[in-house]
Protein backbone atom coordinates (compact mmCIF):
# COMPACT_ATOMS: atom_id res chain seq x y z
CA UNK A 1 -26.11 -30.65 0.31
CA UNK A 2 -23.60 -29.01 2.66
CA UNK A 3 -22.90 -25.30 2.66
CA UNK A 4 -19.46 -24.32 1.38
CA UNK A 5 -17.47 -22.19 3.79
CA UNK A 6 -14.92 -19.84 2.27
CA UNK A 7 -11.73 -20.28 4.28
CA UNK A 8 -9.69 -17.69 2.40
CA UNK A 9 -8.59 -14.74 4.56
CA UNK A 10 -10.37 -11.43 4.05
CA UNK A 11 -8.11 -9.18 1.98
CA UNK A 12 -9.41 -5.80 0.86
CA UNK A 13 -7.98 -3.00 -1.22
CA UNK A 14 -7.01 -0.07 1.03
CA UNK A 15 -5.02 2.38 -1.04
CA UNK A 16 -2.49 3.08 -3.73
CA UNK A 17 0.58 4.67 -2.17
CA UNK A 18 2.85 7.08 -4.00
CA UNK A 19 6.52 7.50 -3.17
CA UNK A 20 7.53 11.16 -2.80
CA UNK A 21 9.96 13.47 -1.04
CA UNK A 22 7.31 15.32 1.02
CA UNK A 23 4.13 13.38 1.92
CA UNK A 24 2.48 16.41 3.54
CA UNK A 25 2.94 18.56 0.44
CA UNK A 26 1.80 15.95 -2.07
CA UNK A 27 -1.16 14.89 0.09
CA UNK A 28 -2.32 18.53 0.34
CA UNK A 29 -2.50 18.65 -3.45
CA UNK A 30 -4.58 15.47 -3.74
CA UNK A 31 -6.70 16.29 -0.70
CA UNK A 32 -7.74 19.57 -2.31
CA UNK A 33 -8.03 18.16 -5.84
CA UNK A 34 -10.17 15.18 -4.82
CA UNK A 35 -11.80 16.55 -1.66
CA UNK A 36 -10.39 13.67 0.39
CA UNK A 37 -9.76 14.07 4.13
CA UNK A 38 -6.54 13.07 5.87
CA UNK A 39 -7.19 9.89 7.87
CA UNK A 40 -3.62 9.15 9.00
CA UNK A 41 -0.58 11.40 9.11
CA UNK A 42 3.00 10.88 10.30
CA UNK A 43 6.25 12.55 9.24
CA UNK A 44 6.79 9.79 6.66
CA UNK A 45 3.27 8.78 5.59
CA UNK A 46 -0.11 10.42 4.91
CA UNK A 47 -3.31 8.58 4.00
CA UNK A 48 -6.31 10.29 2.39
CA UNK A 49 -9.63 8.41 2.38
CA UNK A 50 -13.31 8.59 3.08
CA UNK A 51 -14.72 6.24 5.73
CA UNK A 52 -15.00 2.74 4.29
CA UNK A 53 -13.49 3.65 0.92
CA UNK A 54 -10.06 3.00 -0.60
CA UNK A 55 -7.70 5.92 -0.42
CA UNK A 56 -4.43 7.43 -1.55
CA UNK A 57 -1.24 7.18 0.46
CA UNK A 58 1.95 9.21 0.24
CA UNK A 59 5.20 7.73 1.53
CA UNK A 60 8.46 9.62 2.11
CA UNK A 61 11.48 8.22 0.26
CA UNK A 62 14.68 10.02 1.27
CA UNK A 63 16.42 9.66 -2.09
CA UNK A 64 13.22 10.16 -4.09
CA UNK A 65 13.70 10.79 -7.79
CA UNK A 66 10.57 11.78 -9.73
CA UNK A 67 9.46 9.50 -12.54
CA UNK A 68 10.83 10.35 -15.96
CA UNK A 69 7.66 9.14 -17.70
CA UNK A 70 7.34 8.55 -20.51
CA UNK A 71 11.11 8.04 -20.53
CA UNK A 72 12.35 4.82 -18.95
CA UNK A 73 15.25 6.08 -16.80
CA UNK A 74 13.15 6.42 -13.60
CA UNK A 75 10.01 4.26 -13.48
CA UNK A 76 6.65 5.17 -11.97
CA UNK A 77 6.52 4.80 -8.18
CA UNK A 78 3.31 3.53 -6.63
CA UNK A 79 2.22 0.38 -4.81
CA UNK A 80 -0.96 -1.23 -3.51
CA UNK A 81 -1.96 -1.24 0.15
CA UNK A 82 -4.22 -4.17 1.00
CA UNK A 83 -6.15 -4.34 4.27
CA UNK A 84 -6.23 -7.63 6.19
CA UNK A 85 -7.70 -8.84 9.47
CA UNK A 86 -4.80 -11.16 10.31
CA UNK A 87 -1.30 -10.45 8.98
CA UNK A 88 0.01 -13.99 9.39
CA UNK A 89 -2.97 -15.69 7.73
CA UNK A 90 -3.00 -13.23 4.81
CA UNK A 91 0.78 -13.48 4.45
CA UNK A 92 0.58 -17.26 4.17
CA UNK A 93 -2.20 -17.03 1.57
CA UNK A 94 -0.35 -14.49 -0.58
CA UNK A 95 2.90 -16.44 -0.42
CA UNK A 96 0.97 -19.54 -1.52
CA UNK A 97 -0.27 -17.51 -4.51
CA UNK A 98 3.30 -16.59 -5.53
CA UNK A 99 4.27 -13.49 -3.51
CA UNK A 100 7.49 -13.34 -1.51
CA UNK A 101 8.18 -11.39 1.64
CA UNK A 102 10.48 -8.40 1.16
CA UNK A 103 13.72 -8.36 3.14
CA UNK A 104 12.95 -4.93 4.63
CA UNK A 105 10.00 -4.81 7.06
CA UNK A 106 9.81 -1.39 8.80
CA UNK A 107 6.53 -1.99 10.71
CA UNK A 108 6.20 -5.80 11.02
CA UNK A 109 3.57 -5.62 13.78
CA UNK A 110 1.09 -3.67 11.56
CA UNK A 111 2.29 -4.13 8.01
CA UNK A 112 4.15 -6.61 5.85
CA UNK A 113 5.78 -5.72 2.57
CA UNK A 114 5.61 -8.35 -0.14
CA UNK A 115 6.71 -8.63 -3.75
CA UNK A 116 4.25 -9.88 -6.34
CA UNK A 117 5.34 -12.44 -8.95
CA UNK A 118 6.60 -9.60 -11.18
CA UNK A 119 8.55 -8.15 -8.19
CA UNK A 120 6.26 -5.13 -7.68
CA UNK A 121 6.14 -4.27 -3.97
CA UNK A 122 2.80 -4.16 -2.16
CA UNK A 123 1.77 -4.02 1.49
CA UNK A 124 -0.69 -5.86 3.68
CA UNK A 125 -1.83 -3.80 6.66
CA UNK A 126 -4.14 -4.40 9.61
């Protein structure tokens, strides 16, 4: 009997990222509330996480409008961040599963933005 080798690319859950107008301000709230340290911080993005654990991200959207939940006029704004070892291999796998690559790709060397089959955006990041 031969051993089966799994040839699927390694894809792991990294974070859920929330759109907001001020990533530093919103991340301070969650950092204090959940006792999570800042692991990455730029003007437009902050990631909170413990070593080896999924985290919370906060992404600046210039024309951010807060959700009107439970009203439907402005939907909730969050997306998954998935960690990958190889962007191109993971991209091919996810497209084969039904995702499509988004037209806008702000950091194509480290991250790719995709749309799931229901058109929810999500990211794959090295």
